[in-house]
Every structure is written in C-alpha cells, then in structure tokens.
N, C-alpha and C. Protein backbone atom coordinates (compact mmCIF):
# COMPACT_ATOMS: atom_id res chain seq x y z
N MET A 1 0.77 -1.16 0.10
CA MET A 1 -0.04 0.32 -0.53
C MET A 1 1.28 0.50 -0.27
N LYS A 2 0.91 2.39 -0.99
CA LYS A 2 1.37 3.21 -0.61
C LYS A 2 1.32 4.67 -0.40
N GLN A 3 1.89 5.10 0.61
CA GLN A 3 1.36 5.91 1.63
C GLN A 3 1.90 7.39 0.95
N GLN A 4 0.61 8.43 1.59
CA GLN A 4 0.74 9.17 0.56
C GLN A 4 1.64 10.77 0.92
N SER A 5 2.60 11.11 0.61
CA SER A 5 2.82 12.14 1.15
C SER A 5 2.12 13.66 1.90
N ASN A 6 2.26 14.10 3.02
CA ASN A 6 2.24 15.38 3.36
C ASN A 6 3.01 16.33 2.68
N LEU A 7 3.99 16.59 2.36
CA LEU A 7 4.56 17.10 1.96
C LEU A 7 3.95 18.67 1.18
N LYS A 8 4.86 19.82 1.56
CA LYS A 8 3.18 20.65 0.16
C LYS A 8 4.80 21.62 -0.72
N SER A 9 4.81 21.96 -1.89
CA SER A 9 6.04 22.62 -2.04
C SER A 9 5.61 24.50 -1.21
N LEU A 10 6.42 25.00 -1.21
CA LEU A 10 6.66 26.08 -1.21
C LEU A 10 5.10 27.24 -1.41
N ASP A 11 5.93 26.83 -2.75
CA ASP A 11 4.25 27.79 -3.47
C ASP A 11 2.70 27.68 -2.98
N GLN A 12 2.74 26.59 -2.39
CA GLN A 12 1.36 25.88 -1.34
C GLN A 12 1.34 26.03 -0.51
N PHE A 13 2.61 26.54 0.22
CA PHE A 13 2.72 25.97 1.73
C PHE A 13 2.47 27.81 2.00
N VAL A 14 2.99 29.05 0.86
CA VAL A 14 2.46 30.39 0.92
C VAL A 14 1.12 30.95 1.23
N GLU A 15 0.79 30.35 0.25
CA GLU A 15 -1.49 30.39 -0.50
C GLU A 15 -1.61 29.91 0.65
N GLU A 16 -1.73 29.16 1.94
CA GLU A 16 -2.39 28.10 1.87
C GLU A 16 -1.87 29.58 3.55
N GLN A 17 -0.73 29.65 4.00
CA GLN A 17 -0.80 30.50 4.89
C GLN A 17 -1.48 31.57 5.03
N TYR A 18 -0.34 33.02 3.52
CA TYR A 18 -0.82 33.94 3.34
C TYR A 18 -2.02 34.53 1.68
N GLY A 19 -3.08 33.45 1.64
CA GLY A 19 -3.99 33.24 0.64
C GLY A 19 -3.34 33.83 -0.61
N LYS A 20 -3.96 34.09 -1.92
CA LYS A 20 -3.85 34.32 -3.46
C LYS A 20 -2.99 35.96 -3.28
N LYS A 21 -2.22 35.62 -4.80
CA LYS A 21 -1.52 36.31 -4.98
C LYS A 21 -2.45 37.65 -5.06
N GLY A 22 -2.31 38.78 -4.96
CA GLY A 22 -2.69 40.02 -5.10
C GLY A 22 -3.93 40.76 -3.82
N THR A 23 -3.78 39.60 -2.59
CA THR A 23 -4.47 39.82 -1.16
C THR A 23 -4.09 40.84 -0.80
N SER A 24 -4.44 41.35 0.53
CA SER A 24 -4.12 42.21 0.90
C SER A 24 -2.67 41.25 2.42
N ASN A 25 -3.08 39.86 3.05
CA ASN A 25 -2.29 39.03 3.28
C ASN A 25 -1.06 38.96 2.23
N ARG A 26 -1.66 38.87 1.31
CA ARG A 26 -0.62 38.25 0.63
C ARG A 26 0.39 38.89 -0.05
N ASP A 27 0.00 40.27 -0.12
CA ASP A 27 0.71 41.42 -0.42
C ASP A 27 1.98 42.26 0.42
N LYS A 28 1.53 41.93 1.82
CA LYS A 28 1.94 42.23 2.96
C LYS A 28 3.41 40.99 3.05
N PHE A 29 3.32 39.95 2.98
CA PHE A 29 3.72 39.26 3.23
C PHE A 29 5.34 38.97 2.18
N GLU A 30 4.74 38.98 1.08
CA GLU A 30 4.92 39.88 -0.11
C GLU A 30 5.72 40.80 -0.20
N LYS A 31 5.30 41.36 0.73
CA LYS A 31 6.66 43.42 0.78
C LYS A 31 7.79 43.18 0.90
N GLY A 32 6.95 42.64 2.42
CA GLY A 32 8.40 41.78 3.79
C GLY A 32 9.78 40.71 3.13
N TYR A 33 9.31 40.08 2.55
CA TYR A 33 10.08 39.18 2.00
C TYR A 33 11.60 39.86 1.08
N GLU A 34 10.76 40.80 0.41
CA GLU A 34 11.23 42.10 -0.41
C GLU A 34 12.89 42.40 0.34
N ALA A 35 11.87 42.86 1.67
CA ALA A 35 12.99 43.25 2.70
C ALA A 35 13.77 42.28 3.17
N PHE A 36 13.73 41.09 3.30
CA PHE A 36 14.05 40.37 4.20
C PHE A 36 15.28 39.91 2.80
N LYS A 37 15.20 39.22 1.72
CA LYS A 37 15.50 39.33 0.38
C LYS A 37 17.04 40.03 0.75
N LEU A 38 16.49 41.63 0.82
CA LEU A 38 17.72 43.36 0.48
C LEU A 38 18.73 42.20 2.12
N GLY A 39 18.25 42.76 2.68
CA GLY A 39 19.02 42.32 3.65
C GLY A 39 20.30 40.89 3.44
N PHE A 40 19.95 39.89 3.37
CA PHE A 40 20.08 38.81 3.27
C PHE A 40 21.16 38.83 2.14
N LEU A 41 21.01 39.97 1.49
CA LEU A 41 21.89 40.21 -0.20
C LEU A 41 22.58 40.94 0.67
N ILE A 42 23.07 41.45 1.00
CA ILE A 42 24.12 42.15 2.00
C ILE A 42 24.64 41.73 2.44
N GLN A 43 24.39 41.06 2.63
CA GLN A 43 25.16 39.75 3.69
C GLN A 43 25.83 39.44 2.97
N GLN A 44 25.70 38.47 1.69
CA GLN A 44 26.07 37.34 1.16
C GLN A 44 27.27 38.65 0.68
N ALA A 45 27.16 39.53 -0.26
CA ALA A 45 28.23 39.91 -0.20
C ALA A 45 29.25 40.46 -0.17
N ARG A 46 28.78 40.80 1.38
CA ARG A 46 30.19 41.86 2.26
C ARG A 46 29.90 40.51 2.88
N LEU A 47 30.46 39.04 3.10
CA LEU A 47 31.00 37.82 3.40
C LEU A 47 31.89 37.34 2.43
N GLU A 48 30.85 37.82 1.12
CA GLU A 48 31.80 37.71 -0.01
C GLU A 48 33.10 38.12 -0.45
N LYS A 49 33.28 39.54 0.08
CA LYS A 49 34.35 40.58 0.86
C LYS A 49 35.36 40.11 1.31
N GLY A 50 35.05 39.34 2.10
CA GLY A 50 35.35 38.58 3.42
C GLY A 50 35.68 39.94 4.66
N MET A 51 34.69 40.78 4.95
CA MET A 51 33.93 42.48 5.77
C MET A 51 33.80 42.28 7.16
N THR A 52 33.78 43.00 7.67
CA THR A 52 32.71 42.65 8.54
C THR A 52 31.94 43.80 8.86
N GLN A 53 31.04 43.25 9.70
CA GLN A 53 30.20 44.77 9.18
C GLN A 53 30.71 45.92 9.79
N GLU A 54 31.55 45.81 10.21
CA GLU A 54 32.26 46.89 11.92
C GLU A 54 32.67 47.70 10.18
N GLU A 55 33.70 46.96 9.40
CA GLU A 55 34.23 47.88 7.75
C GLU A 55 33.19 47.94 6.37
N LEU A 56 32.85 46.99 7.07
CA LEU A 56 31.60 47.45 5.96
C LEU A 56 31.37 48.65 5.70
N ALA A 57 31.13 49.42 7.06
CA ALA A 57 29.91 50.60 7.54
C ALA A 57 30.75 51.57 8.24
N GLU A 58 32.21 51.55 8.15
CA GLU A 58 33.03 52.05 8.25
C GLU A 58 33.51 52.68 6.68
N LYS A 59 33.22 51.79 5.64
CA LYS A 59 33.95 51.90 4.07
C LYS A 59 32.69 53.11 3.65
N CYS A 60 31.44 52.73 3.94
CA CYS A 60 30.21 53.86 3.48
C CYS A 60 30.00 54.72 4.07
N GLY A 61 30.03 54.97 5.36
CA GLY A 61 30.27 55.56 6.73
C GLY A 61 28.92 55.81 7.12
N THR A 62 28.36 55.01 8.23
CA THR A 62 28.18 54.49 9.02
C THR A 62 28.31 53.54 10.21
N ASN A 63 27.76 53.33 11.11
CA ASN A 63 28.45 51.95 11.58
C ASN A 63 27.22 51.12 12.05
N LYS A 64 28.11 49.81 12.19
CA LYS A 64 28.02 48.43 12.53
C LYS A 64 26.01 48.20 12.75
N GLY A 65 25.75 48.80 14.13
CA GLY A 65 24.68 48.20 14.13
C GLY A 65 23.45 48.41 13.02
N TYR A 66 23.87 49.72 12.24
CA TYR A 66 22.87 49.22 11.02
C TYR A 66 23.02 49.26 10.64
N ILE A 67 24.34 48.12 10.06
CA ILE A 67 24.28 47.73 9.03
C ILE A 67 24.14 46.18 9.38
N SER A 68 24.50 46.27 10.92
CA SER A 68 22.98 44.86 11.68
C SER A 68 22.12 44.95 10.94
N LYS A 69 20.96 46.49 11.28
CA LYS A 69 20.07 46.02 11.46
C LYS A 69 18.97 45.56 9.63
N ILE A 70 20.00 46.47 9.21
CA ILE A 70 18.72 46.63 7.74
C ILE A 70 20.09 44.78 7.43
N GLU A 71 21.75 44.19 7.87
CA GLU A 71 20.29 42.69 6.97
C GLU A 71 20.89 41.83 8.17
N ASN A 72 19.94 41.80 9.34
CA ASN A 72 18.14 40.81 9.98
C ASN A 72 16.81 42.13 10.23
N ASN A 73 17.09 42.69 8.61
CA ASN A 73 15.81 42.85 8.74
C ASN A 73 14.55 44.10 9.22
N ILE A 74 15.33 44.46 10.59
CA ILE A 74 14.96 44.91 11.24
C ILE A 74 15.22 46.70 11.26
N LYS A 75 15.13 47.90 10.03
CA LYS A 75 15.77 48.31 10.03
C LYS A 75 15.89 48.41 7.95
N GLU A 76 14.57 49.39 7.62
CA GLU A 76 14.56 50.09 6.80
C GLU A 76 15.69 50.47 5.68
N ILE A 77 16.06 50.87 4.93
CA ILE A 77 16.71 50.91 3.72
C ILE A 77 16.42 52.22 2.89
N ARG A 78 16.70 53.03 2.67
CA ARG A 78 16.94 54.75 1.93
C ARG A 78 17.71 54.04 0.73
N ILE A 79 17.17 54.01 -0.76
CA ILE A 79 18.00 53.60 -1.83
C ILE A 79 19.75 54.85 -1.91
N SER A 80 19.35 55.22 -1.06
CA SER A 80 20.58 56.03 -1.05
C SER A 80 21.10 56.05 -0.47
N THR A 81 20.75 55.07 0.88
CA THR A 81 21.71 54.15 1.89
C THR A 81 22.66 53.20 0.88
N LEU A 82 21.67 52.55 0.15
CA LEU A 82 21.96 51.30 -0.05
C LEU A 82 22.61 51.82 -1.68
N GLN A 83 22.66 52.25 -2.21
CA GLN A 83 23.70 52.76 -2.19
C GLN A 83 24.92 53.39 -2.62
N LYS A 84 24.67 53.60 -0.80
CA LYS A 84 26.29 53.61 -0.47
C LYS A 84 26.95 52.49 -0.09
N ILE A 85 25.63 51.83 0.41
CA ILE A 85 26.59 50.40 0.41
C ILE A 85 27.21 50.38 -0.66
N VAL A 86 26.36 49.57 -1.48
CA VAL A 86 26.35 48.54 -2.59
C VAL A 86 28.24 49.40 -3.11
N GLU A 87 28.04 50.06 -3.63
CA GLU A 87 29.30 50.73 -3.28
C GLU A 87 30.35 51.39 -3.47
N LEU A 88 30.43 52.28 -2.41
CA LEU A 88 31.52 52.19 -1.35
C LEU A 88 31.63 50.99 -0.47
N GLY A 89 30.43 50.15 -0.53
CA GLY A 89 31.27 49.68 1.15
C GLY A 89 31.75 48.79 0.27
N LEU A 90 31.30 48.37 -0.73
CA LEU A 90 31.60 46.65 -0.98
C LEU A 90 31.25 46.63 -3.08
N GLY A 91 32.26 48.35 -4.33
CA GLY A 91 32.53 48.73 -4.42
C GLY A 91 31.83 47.74 -5.52
N GLY A 92 30.15 47.27 -5.61
CA GLY A 92 29.69 47.31 -6.13
C GLY A 92 29.13 48.33 -7.15
N HIS A 93 27.21 47.69 -7.80
CA HIS A 93 26.82 49.10 -8.99
C HIS A 93 25.33 48.70 -8.98
N LEU A 94 24.86 49.29 -7.78
CA LEU A 94 23.80 48.69 -7.87
C LEU A 94 22.26 49.23 -8.85
N GLU A 95 21.75 47.59 -8.96
CA GLU A 95 20.84 47.89 -10.46
C GLU A 95 19.22 47.46 -10.03
N LEU A 96 18.67 48.81 -10.56
CA LEU A 96 17.23 48.64 -10.04
C LEU A 96 16.34 48.28 -11.14
N SER A 97 15.47 48.01 -11.26
CA SER A 97 13.99 47.53 -11.93
C SER A 97 12.79 48.04 -10.84
N ILE A 98 11.70 47.47 -12.11
CA ILE A 98 10.69 48.27 -11.58
C ILE A 98 10.10 47.05 -12.77
N LYS A 99 9.13 46.50 -12.17
CA LYS A 99 8.20 45.30 -12.74
C LYS A 99 6.88 45.61 -12.85
N LEU A 100 5.63 45.77 -14.31
CA LEU A 100 4.42 45.78 -13.94
C LEU A 100 4.04 44.55 -14.66
C-alpha cells in the first residue's frame, strides 16, 4: 500500500498561510520578503568580500549597528543609503528595476 505524502511545495505553503497573490495578506508577506531578501543579499555580498559589518560600515560612512539592522531586516533602508553600501562599501554597482 502506497502512503500519501503530506509534503507541500513552498508556493502551496505560502498560499495556504497568506492567501493568493493580490490579496492584502499576501501583498504584506511579499513586501516583507523583499526587505528580508535585500538584507540577506547585502550580508552575502559582505561575506563574499571577507568583510565584517564594522568594516563595511566604515567604508560607507555608517555604523556597525545600522548594517546589522539592515541585514537582519530590522531597519528599512533608503535607496541613497543602499547605493552607498553597494558602491562605496562593497565596490559594486546597484541596479534597480520596476516590474509591472
């Protein structure tokens, strides 16, 4: 007898927990996820460069606590500050896009 699996895909789980795309709960979740993803991307880039939070903060003119808050999705970040972190701190180039 074959046993049925209770495993769900991530998409199924998110839809069950937060609703279908376009609903207010799902939109709130998606916005929070984007902020989390941004902090994670900054952290990964910093680690790839072999930098501490303190070193990154010094290069872009802020403090370690601020970098930590961004990486841990505690603090929202302005685009101008993000640009400084990416370009001055990490030596990269910030690219933005708008999807409609």
